[in-house]
Amino acid sequence: WLRQAAGKERESVAAITWSSGTTSYKDSVKGRFTIS
């Protein structure tokens, strides 16, 4: 997942490996967002 706020550059937010389910997150969303 990526996001782009008005007037700002697009940034990556979270990622997940399809097969294994391994996840990674942008620091600012850790503990708040969950990718599945």
All heavy atoms as atom14 arrays in JSON, in Angstrom:
{
  "sequence": "WLRQAAGKERESVAAITWSSGTTSYKDSVKGRFTIS",
  "atom14_mask": [
    [1, 1, 1, 1, 1, 1, 1, 1, 1, 1, 1, 1, 1, 1],
    [1, 1, 1, 1, 1, 1, 1, 1, 0, 0, 0, 0, 0, 0],
    [1, 1, 1, 1, 1, 1, 1, 1, 1, 1, 1, 0, 0, 0],
    [1, 1, 1, 1, 1, 1, 1, 1, 1, 0, 0, 0, 0, 0],
    [1, 1, 1, 1, 1, 0, 0, 0, 0, 0, 0, 0, 0, 0],
    [1, 1, 1, 1, 1, 0, 0, 0, 0, 0, 0, 0, 0, 0],
    [1, 1, 1, 1, 0, 0, 0, 0, 0, 0, 0, 0, 0, 0],
    [1, 1, 1, 1, 1, 1, 1, 1, 1, 0, 0, 0, 0, 0],
    [1, 1, 1, 1, 1, 1, 1, 1, 1, 0, 0, 0, 0, 0],
    [1, 1, 1, 1, 1, 1, 1, 1, 1, 1, 1, 0, 0, 0],
    [1, 1, 1, 1, 1, 1, 1, 1, 1, 0, 0, 0, 0, 0],
    [1, 1, 1, 1, 1, 1, 0, 0, 0, 0, 0, 0, 0, 0],
    [1, 1, 1, 1, 1, 1, 1, 0, 0, 0, 0, 0, 0, 0],
    [1, 1, 1, 1, 1, 0, 0, 0, 0, 0, 0, 0, 0, 0],
    [1, 1, 1, 1, 1, 0, 0, 0, 0, 0, 0, 0, 0, 0],
    [1, 1, 1, 1, 1, 1, 1, 1, 0, 0, 0, 0, 0, 0],
    [1, 1, 1, 1, 1, 1, 1, 0, 0, 0, 0, 0, 0, 0],
    [1, 1, 1, 1, 1, 1, 1, 1, 1, 1, 1, 1, 1, 1],
    [1, 1, 1, 1, 1, 1, 0, 0, 0, 0, 0, 0, 0, 0],
    [1, 1, 1, 1, 1, 1, 0, 0, 0, 0, 0, 0, 0, 0],
    [1, 1, 1, 1, 0, 0, 0, 0, 0, 0, 0, 0, 0, 0],
    [1, 1, 1, 1, 1, 1, 1, 0, 0, 0, 0, 0, 0, 0],
    [1, 1, 1, 1, 1, 1, 1, 0, 0, 0, 0, 0, 0, 0],
    [1, 1, 1, 1, 1, 1, 0, 0, 0, 0, 0, 0, 0, 0],
    [1, 1, 1, 1, 1, 1, 1, 1, 1, 1, 1, 1, 0, 0],
    [1, 1, 1, 1, 1, 1, 1, 1, 1, 0, 0, 0, 0, 0],
    [1, 1, 1, 1, 1, 1, 1, 1, 0, 0, 0, 0, 0, 0],
    [1, 1, 1, 1, 1, 1, 0, 0, 0, 0, 0, 0, 0, 0],
    [1, 1, 1, 1, 1, 1, 1, 0, 0, 0, 0, 0, 0, 0],
    [1, 1, 1, 1, 1, 1, 1, 1, 1, 0, 0, 0, 0, 0],
    [1, 1, 1, 1, 0, 0, 0, 0, 0, 0, 0, 0, 0, 0],
    [1, 1, 1, 1, 1, 1, 1, 1, 1, 1, 1, 0, 0, 0],
    [1, 1, 1, 1, 1, 1, 1, 1, 1, 1, 1, 0, 0, 0],
    [1, 1, 1, 1, 1, 1, 1, 0, 0, 0, 0, 0, 0, 0],
    [1, 1, 1, 1, 1, 1, 1, 1, 0, 0, 0, 0, 0, 0],
    [1, 1, 1, 1, 1, 1, 0, 0, 0, 0, 0, 0, 0, 0]
  ],
  "atom14_positions": [
    [[0.85, -1.18, 0.0], [0.0, 0.0, 0.0], [0.88, 1.23, 0.0], [1.88, 1.29, 0.72], [-0.91, 0.04, 1.22], [-2.03, -0.95, 1.17], [-2.06, -2.21, 1.68], [-3.31, -0.75, 0.56], [-3.27, -2.81, 1.44], [-4.06, -1.92, 0.74], [-3.89, 0.32, -0.13], [-5.36, -2.06, 0.26], [-5.18, 0.17, -0.62], [-5.89, -1.01, -0.41]],
    [[0.5, 2.2, -0.79], [1.17, 3.49, -0.86], [0.13, 4.58, -0.68], [-1.06, 4.34, -0.85], [1.9, 3.67, -2.19], [2.93, 2.59, -2.55], [2.29, 1.5, -3.4], [4.11, 3.19, -3.29], [0.0, 0.0, 0.0], [0.0, 0.0, 0.0], [0.0, 0.0, 0.0], [0.0, 0.0, 0.0], [0.0, 0.0, 0.0], [0.0, 0.0, 0.0]],
    [[0.58, 5.77, -0.34], [-0.34, 6.88, -0.18], [0.29, 8.17, -0.66], [1.51, 8.33, -0.66], [-0.79, 7.01, 1.28], [0.31, 7.45, 2.23], [-0.19, 7.41, 3.68], [0.82, 7.89, 4.61], [0.7, 7.83, 5.93], [-0.39, 7.31, 6.48], [1.68, 8.3, 6.7], [0.0, 0.0, 0.0], [0.0, 0.0, 0.0], [0.0, 0.0, 0.0]],
    [[-0.57, 9.08, -1.07], [-0.11, 10.38, -1.5], [-1.06, 11.44, -0.95], [-2.24, 11.47, -1.32], [-0.03, 10.48, -3.02], [0.57, 11.78, -3.5], [0.89, 11.77, -4.98], [0.26, 11.05, -5.75], [1.86, 12.56, -5.37], [0.0, 0.0, 0.0], [0.0, 0.0, 0.0], [0.0, 0.0, 0.0], [0.0, 0.0, 0.0], [0.0, 0.0, 0.0]],
    [[-0.54, 12.28, -0.08], [-1.3, 13.39, 0.45], [-1.23, 14.56, -0.52], [-0.3, 14.68, -1.31], [-0.76, 13.8, 1.81], [0.0, 0.0, 0.0], [0.0, 0.0, 0.0], [0.0, 0.0, 0.0], [0.0, 0.0, 0.0], [0.0, 0.0, 0.0], [0.0, 0.0, 0.0], [0.0, 0.0, 0.0], [0.0, 0.0, 0.0], [0.0, 0.0, 0.0]],
    [[-2.23, 15.43, -0.43], [-2.27, 16.59, -1.32], [-1.01, 17.42, -1.18], [-0.6, 17.77, -0.07], [-3.5, 17.43, -0.99], [0.0, 0.0, 0.0], [0.0, 0.0, 0.0], [0.0, 0.0, 0.0], [0.0, 0.0, 0.0], [0.0, 0.0, 0.0], [0.0, 0.0, 0.0], [0.0, 0.0, 0.0], [0.0, 0.0, 0.0], [0.0, 0.0, 0.0]],
    [[-0.37, 17.7, -2.29], [0.82, 18.52, -2.29], [2.09, 17.82, -1.86], [3.13, 18.47, -1.73], [0.0, 0.0, 0.0], [0.0, 0.0, 0.0], [0.0, 0.0, 0.0], [0.0, 0.0, 0.0], [0.0, 0.0, 0.0], [0.0, 0.0, 0.0], [0.0, 0.0, 0.0], [0.0, 0.0, 0.0], [0.0, 0.0, 0.0], [0.0, 0.0, 0.0]],
    [[2.05, 16.51, -1.63], [3.21, 15.78, -1.16], [3.56, 14.63, -2.1], [2.75, 14.23, -2.94], [2.98, 15.24, 0.25], [2.83, 16.31, 1.31], [2.77, 15.71, 2.7], [2.69, 16.79, 3.77], [2.66, 16.2, 5.13], [0.0, 0.0, 0.0], [0.0, 0.0, 0.0], [0.0, 0.0, 0.0], [0.0, 0.0, 0.0], [0.0, 0.0, 0.0]],
    [[4.76, 14.1, -1.94], [5.2, 12.96, -2.72], [4.52, 11.68, -2.23], [4.17, 11.55, -1.06], [6.71, 12.8, -2.62], [7.51, 13.92, -3.25], [7.39, 13.91, -4.75], [7.6, 12.85, -5.36], [7.07, 14.97, -5.32], [0.0, 0.0, 0.0], [0.0, 0.0, 0.0], [0.0, 0.0, 0.0], [0.0, 0.0, 0.0], [0.0, 0.0, 0.0]],
    [[4.36, 10.74, -3.14], [3.81, 9.45, -2.77], [4.83, 8.68, -1.93], [6.04, 8.74, -2.18], [3.46, 8.65, -4.02], [2.7, 7.37, -3.73], [2.17, 6.73, -4.99], [3.24, 6.26, -5.85], [3.04, 5.66, -7.02], [1.8, 5.48, -7.47], [4.07, 5.27, -7.75], [0.0, 0.0, 0.0], [0.0, 0.0, 0.0], [0.0, 0.0, 0.0]],
    [[4.35, 7.95, -0.92], [5.21, 7.18, -0.05], [4.63, 5.79, 0.17], [3.42, 5.6, 0.16], [5.41, 7.88, 1.29], [4.13, 8.06, 2.09], [4.35, 8.78, 3.41], [5.5, 9.11, 3.73], [3.34, 9.01, 4.12], [0.0, 0.0, 0.0], [0.0, 0.0, 0.0], [0.0, 0.0, 0.0], [0.0, 0.0, 0.0], [0.0, 0.0, 0.0]],
    [[5.5, 4.83, 0.4], [5.06, 3.48, 0.71], [4.66, 3.4, 2.18], [5.26, 4.05, 3.03], [6.14, 2.46, 0.38], [7.34, 2.75, 1.08], [0.0, 0.0, 0.0], [0.0, 0.0, 0.0], [0.0, 0.0, 0.0], [0.0, 0.0, 0.0], [0.0, 0.0, 0.0], [0.0, 0.0, 0.0], [0.0, 0.0, 0.0], [0.0, 0.0, 0.0]],
    [[3.66, 2.59, 2.47], [3.11, 2.47, 3.81], [3.34, 1.09, 4.4], [3.76, 0.95, 5.56], [1.61, 2.8, 3.8], [0.99, 2.59, 5.18], [1.38, 4.23, 3.33], [0.0, 0.0, 0.0], [0.0, 0.0, 0.0], [0.0, 0.0, 0.0], [0.0, 0.0, 0.0], [0.0, 0.0, 0.0], [0.0, 0.0, 0.0], [0.0, 0.0, 0.0]],
    [[3.04, 0.05, 3.63], [3.13, -1.31, 4.14], [3.28, -2.27, 2.97], [2.92, -1.95, 1.84], [1.89, -1.67, 4.96], [0.0, 0.0, 0.0], [0.0, 0.0, 0.0], [0.0, 0.0, 0.0], [0.0, 0.0, 0.0], [0.0, 0.0, 0.0], [0.0, 0.0, 0.0], [0.0, 0.0, 0.0], [0.0, 0.0, 0.0], [0.0, 0.0, 0.0]],
    [[3.8, -3.46, 3.26], [3.96, -4.48, 2.23], [3.81, -5.86, 2.85], [4.05, -6.04, 4.05], [5.32, -4.36, 1.55], [0.0, 0.0, 0.0], [0.0, 0.0, 0.0], [0.0, 0.0, 0.0], [0.0, 0.0, 0.0], [0.0, 0.0, 0.0], [0.0, 0.0, 0.0], [0.0, 0.0, 0.0], [0.0, 0.0, 0.0], [0.0, 0.0, 0.0]],
    [[3.41, -6.82, 2.02], [3.25, -8.2, 2.48], [3.65, -9.16, 1.38], [3.28, -8.98, 0.22], [1.78, -8.45, 2.95], [1.64, -9.86, 3.53], [0.79, -8.22, 1.81], [0.33, -10.06, 4.27], [0.0, 0.0, 0.0], [0.0, 0.0, 0.0], [0.0, 0.0, 0.0], [0.0, 0.0, 0.0], [0.0, 0.0, 0.0], [0.0, 0.0, 0.0]],
    [[4.42, -10.17, 1.76], [4.75, -11.24, 0.83], [3.54, -12.14, 0.67], [3.0, -12.64, 1.66], [5.95, -12.05, 1.34], [7.07, -11.18, 1.53], [6.32, -13.14, 0.36], [0.0, 0.0, 0.0], [0.0, 0.0, 0.0], [0.0, 0.0, 0.0], [0.0, 0.0, 0.0], [0.0, 0.0, 0.0], [0.0, 0.0, 0.0], [0.0, 0.0, 0.0]],
    [[3.1, -12.32, -0.58], [1.86, -13.04, -0.82], [1.89, -14.46, -0.27], [0.93, -14.91, 0.36], [1.55, -13.07, -2.31], [0.22, -13.64, -2.62], [-0.07, -14.9, -3.05], [-1.04, -12.96, -2.49], [-1.42, -15.05, -3.2], [-2.05, -13.88, -2.86], [-1.41, -11.68, -2.1], [-3.4, -13.55, -2.85], [-2.76, -11.35, -2.09], [-3.73, -12.28, -2.47]],
    [[2.98, -15.16, -0.49], [3.04, -16.56, -0.1], [3.22, -16.76, 1.39], [2.51, -17.56, 2.01], [4.17, -17.26, -0.86], [5.41, -16.65, -0.61], [0.0, 0.0, 0.0], [0.0, 0.0, 0.0], [0.0, 0.0, 0.0], [0.0, 0.0, 0.0], [0.0, 0.0, 0.0], [0.0, 0.0, 0.0], [0.0, 0.0, 0.0], [0.0, 0.0, 0.0]],
    [[4.16, -16.04, 2.01], [4.51, -16.28, 3.4], [3.76, -15.41, 4.39], [3.65, -15.76, 5.56], [6.01, -16.07, 3.59], [6.34, -14.69, 3.47], [0.0, 0.0, 0.0], [0.0, 0.0, 0.0], [0.0, 0.0, 0.0], [0.0, 0.0, 0.0], [0.0, 0.0, 0.0], [0.0, 0.0, 0.0], [0.0, 0.0, 0.0], [0.0, 0.0, 0.0]],
    [[3.27, -14.26, 3.96], [2.62, -13.33, 4.86], [3.56, -12.42, 5.62], [3.11, -11.66, 6.49], [0.0, 0.0, 0.0], [0.0, 0.0, 0.0], [0.0, 0.0, 0.0], [0.0, 0.0, 0.0], [0.0, 0.0, 0.0], [0.0, 0.0, 0.0], [0.0, 0.0, 0.0], [0.0, 0.0, 0.0], [0.0, 0.0, 0.0], [0.0, 0.0, 0.0]],
    [[4.84, -12.45, 5.31], [5.8, -11.55, 5.95], [5.44, -10.1, 5.64], [5.16, -9.76, 4.49], [7.22, -11.86, 5.46], [7.55, -13.21, 5.8], [8.23, -10.92, 6.11], [0.0, 0.0, 0.0], [0.0, 0.0, 0.0], [0.0, 0.0, 0.0], [0.0, 0.0, 0.0], [0.0, 0.0, 0.0], [0.0, 0.0, 0.0], [0.0, 0.0, 0.0]],
    [[5.47, -9.25, 6.66], [5.04, -7.87, 6.5], [6.15, -6.88, 6.81], [7.11, -7.19, 7.52], [3.84, -7.56, 7.41], [4.22, -7.78, 8.78], [2.65, -8.45, 7.07], [0.0, 0.0, 0.0], [0.0, 0.0, 0.0], [0.0, 0.0, 0.0], [0.0, 0.0, 0.0], [0.0, 0.0, 0.0], [0.0, 0.0, 0.0], [0.0, 0.0, 0.0]],
    [[6.0, -5.68, 6.29], [6.87, -4.57, 6.62], [6.03, -3.3, 6.63], [5.02, -3.22, 5.93], [8.04, -4.45, 5.65], [7.59, -4.22, 4.33], [0.0, 0.0, 0.0], [0.0, 0.0, 0.0], [0.0, 0.0, 0.0], [0.0, 0.0, 0.0], [0.0, 0.0, 0.0], [0.0, 0.0, 0.0], [0.0, 0.0, 0.0], [0.0, 0.0, 0.0]],
    [[6.47, -2.29, 7.41], [5.69, -1.08, 7.59], [6.58, 0.14, 7.66], [7.72, 0.09, 8.13], [4.88, -1.12, 8.88], [3.86, -2.23, 8.95], [4.18, -3.46, 9.51], [2.58, -2.04, 8.45], [3.24, -4.48, 9.57], [1.64, -3.05, 8.51], [1.98, -4.27, 9.08], [1.04, -5.27, 9.13], [0.0, 0.0, 0.0], [0.0, 0.0, 0.0]],
    [[6.03, 1.24, 7.22], [6.63, 2.53, 7.47], [6.58, 2.78, 8.98], [5.58, 2.46, 9.63], [5.85, 3.61, 6.72], [6.32, 5.02, 6.94], [5.45, 5.99, 6.14], [5.81, 7.43, 6.44], [7.19, 7.75, 5.99], [0.0, 0.0, 0.0], [0.0, 0.0, 0.0], [0.0, 0.0, 0.0], [0.0, 0.0, 0.0], [0.0, 0.0, 0.0]],
    [[7.62, 3.37, 9.54], [7.71, 3.54, 10.98], [6.51, 4.28, 11.56], [6.04, 3.94, 12.65], [9.0, 4.28, 11.35], [10.23, 3.41, 11.24], [10.1, 2.17, 11.18], [11.34, 3.97, 11.24], [0.0, 0.0, 0.0], [0.0, 0.0, 0.0], [0.0, 0.0, 0.0], [0.0, 0.0, 0.0], [0.0, 0.0, 0.0], [0.0, 0.0, 0.0]],
    [[6.02, 5.28, 10.87], [4.96, 6.11, 11.42], [3.62, 5.39, 11.55], [2.72, 5.89, 12.23], [4.78, 7.37, 10.57], [4.35, 7.05, 9.26], [0.0, 0.0, 0.0], [0.0, 0.0, 0.0], [0.0, 0.0, 0.0], [0.0, 0.0, 0.0], [0.0, 0.0, 0.0], [0.0, 0.0, 0.0], [0.0, 0.0, 0.0], [0.0, 0.0, 0.0]],
    [[3.46, 4.23, 10.92], [2.2, 3.5, 11.01], [2.32, 2.2, 11.79], [1.31, 1.52, 12.0], [1.6, 3.21, 9.62], [1.51, 4.49, 8.8], [2.41, 2.15, 8.88], [0.0, 0.0, 0.0], [0.0, 0.0, 0.0], [0.0, 0.0, 0.0], [0.0, 0.0, 0.0], [0.0, 0.0, 0.0], [0.0, 0.0, 0.0], [0.0, 0.0, 0.0]],
    [[3.51, 1.85, 12.24], [3.7, 0.61, 13.0], [2.86, 0.64, 14.26], [2.82, 1.63, 14.99], [5.17, 0.42, 13.35], [6.05, 0.02, 12.19], [7.49, -0.17, 12.62], [8.36, -0.6, 11.46], [9.79, -0.74, 11.86], [0.0, 0.0, 0.0], [0.0, 0.0, 0.0], [0.0, 0.0, 0.0], [0.0, 0.0, 0.0], [0.0, 0.0, 0.0]],
    [[2.17, -0.46, 14.52], [1.31, -0.56, 15.67], [-0.08, -0.03, 15.44], [-0.98, -0.27, 16.27], [0.0, 0.0, 0.0], [0.0, 0.0, 0.0], [0.0, 0.0, 0.0], [0.0, 0.0, 0.0], [0.0, 0.0, 0.0], [0.0, 0.0, 0.0], [0.0, 0.0, 0.0], [0.0, 0.0, 0.0], [0.0, 0.0, 0.0], [0.0, 0.0, 0.0]],
    [[-0.29, 0.69, 14.35], [-1.61, 1.23, 14.03], [-2.22, 0.58, 12.79], [-3.43, 0.36, 12.74], [-1.53, 2.74, 13.79], [-1.04, 3.52, 15.0], [-1.22, 5.02, 14.8], [-0.44, 5.52, 13.66], [-0.97, 6.14, 12.6], [-2.28, 6.33, 12.53], [-0.18, 6.57, 11.63], [0.0, 0.0, 0.0], [0.0, 0.0, 0.0], [0.0, 0.0, 0.0]],
    [[-1.39, 0.29, 11.8], [-1.86, -0.3, 10.55], [-1.45, -1.76, 10.48], [-0.37, -2.14, 10.95], [-1.26, 0.42, 9.35], [-1.76, 1.82, 9.12], [-2.52, 2.49, 10.07], [-1.44, 2.48, 7.94], [-2.97, 3.79, 9.85], [-1.88, 3.77, 7.71], [-2.64, 4.42, 8.66], [0.0, 0.0, 0.0], [0.0, 0.0, 0.0], [0.0, 0.0, 0.0]],
    [[-2.3, -2.57, 9.87], [-1.99, -3.97, 9.64], [-2.33, -4.34, 8.21], [-3.47, -4.15, 7.77], [-2.77, -4.88, 10.6], [-2.48, -4.53, 11.95], [-2.39, -6.35, 10.37], [0.0, 0.0, 0.0], [0.0, 0.0, 0.0], [0.0, 0.0, 0.0], [0.0, 0.0, 0.0], [0.0, 0.0, 0.0], [0.0, 0.0, 0.0], [0.0, 0.0, 0.0]],
    [[-1.36, -4.86, 7.49], [-1.6, -5.34, 6.13], [-1.82, -6.84, 6.18], [-1.16, -7.56, 6.94], [-0.43, -4.97, 5.19], [-0.78, -5.32, 3.73], [0.87, -5.62, 5.62], [0.22, -4.77, 2.72], [0.0, 0.0, 0.0], [0.0, 0.0, 0.0], [0.0, 0.0, 0.0], [0.0, 0.0, 0.0], [0.0, 0.0, 0.0], [0.0, 0.0, 0.0]],
    [[-2.75, -7.33, 5.38], [-3.04, -8.75, 5.33], [-3.54, -9.11, 3.95], [-3.77, -8.23, 3.12], [-4.08, -9.14, 6.39], [-5.31, -8.47, 6.17], [0.0, 0.0, 0.0], [0.0, 0.0, 0.0], [0.0, 0.0, 0.0], [0.0, 0.0, 0.0], [0.0, 0.0, 0.0], [0.0, 0.0, 0.0], [0.0, 0.0, 0.0], [0.0, 0.0, 0.0]]
  ]
}
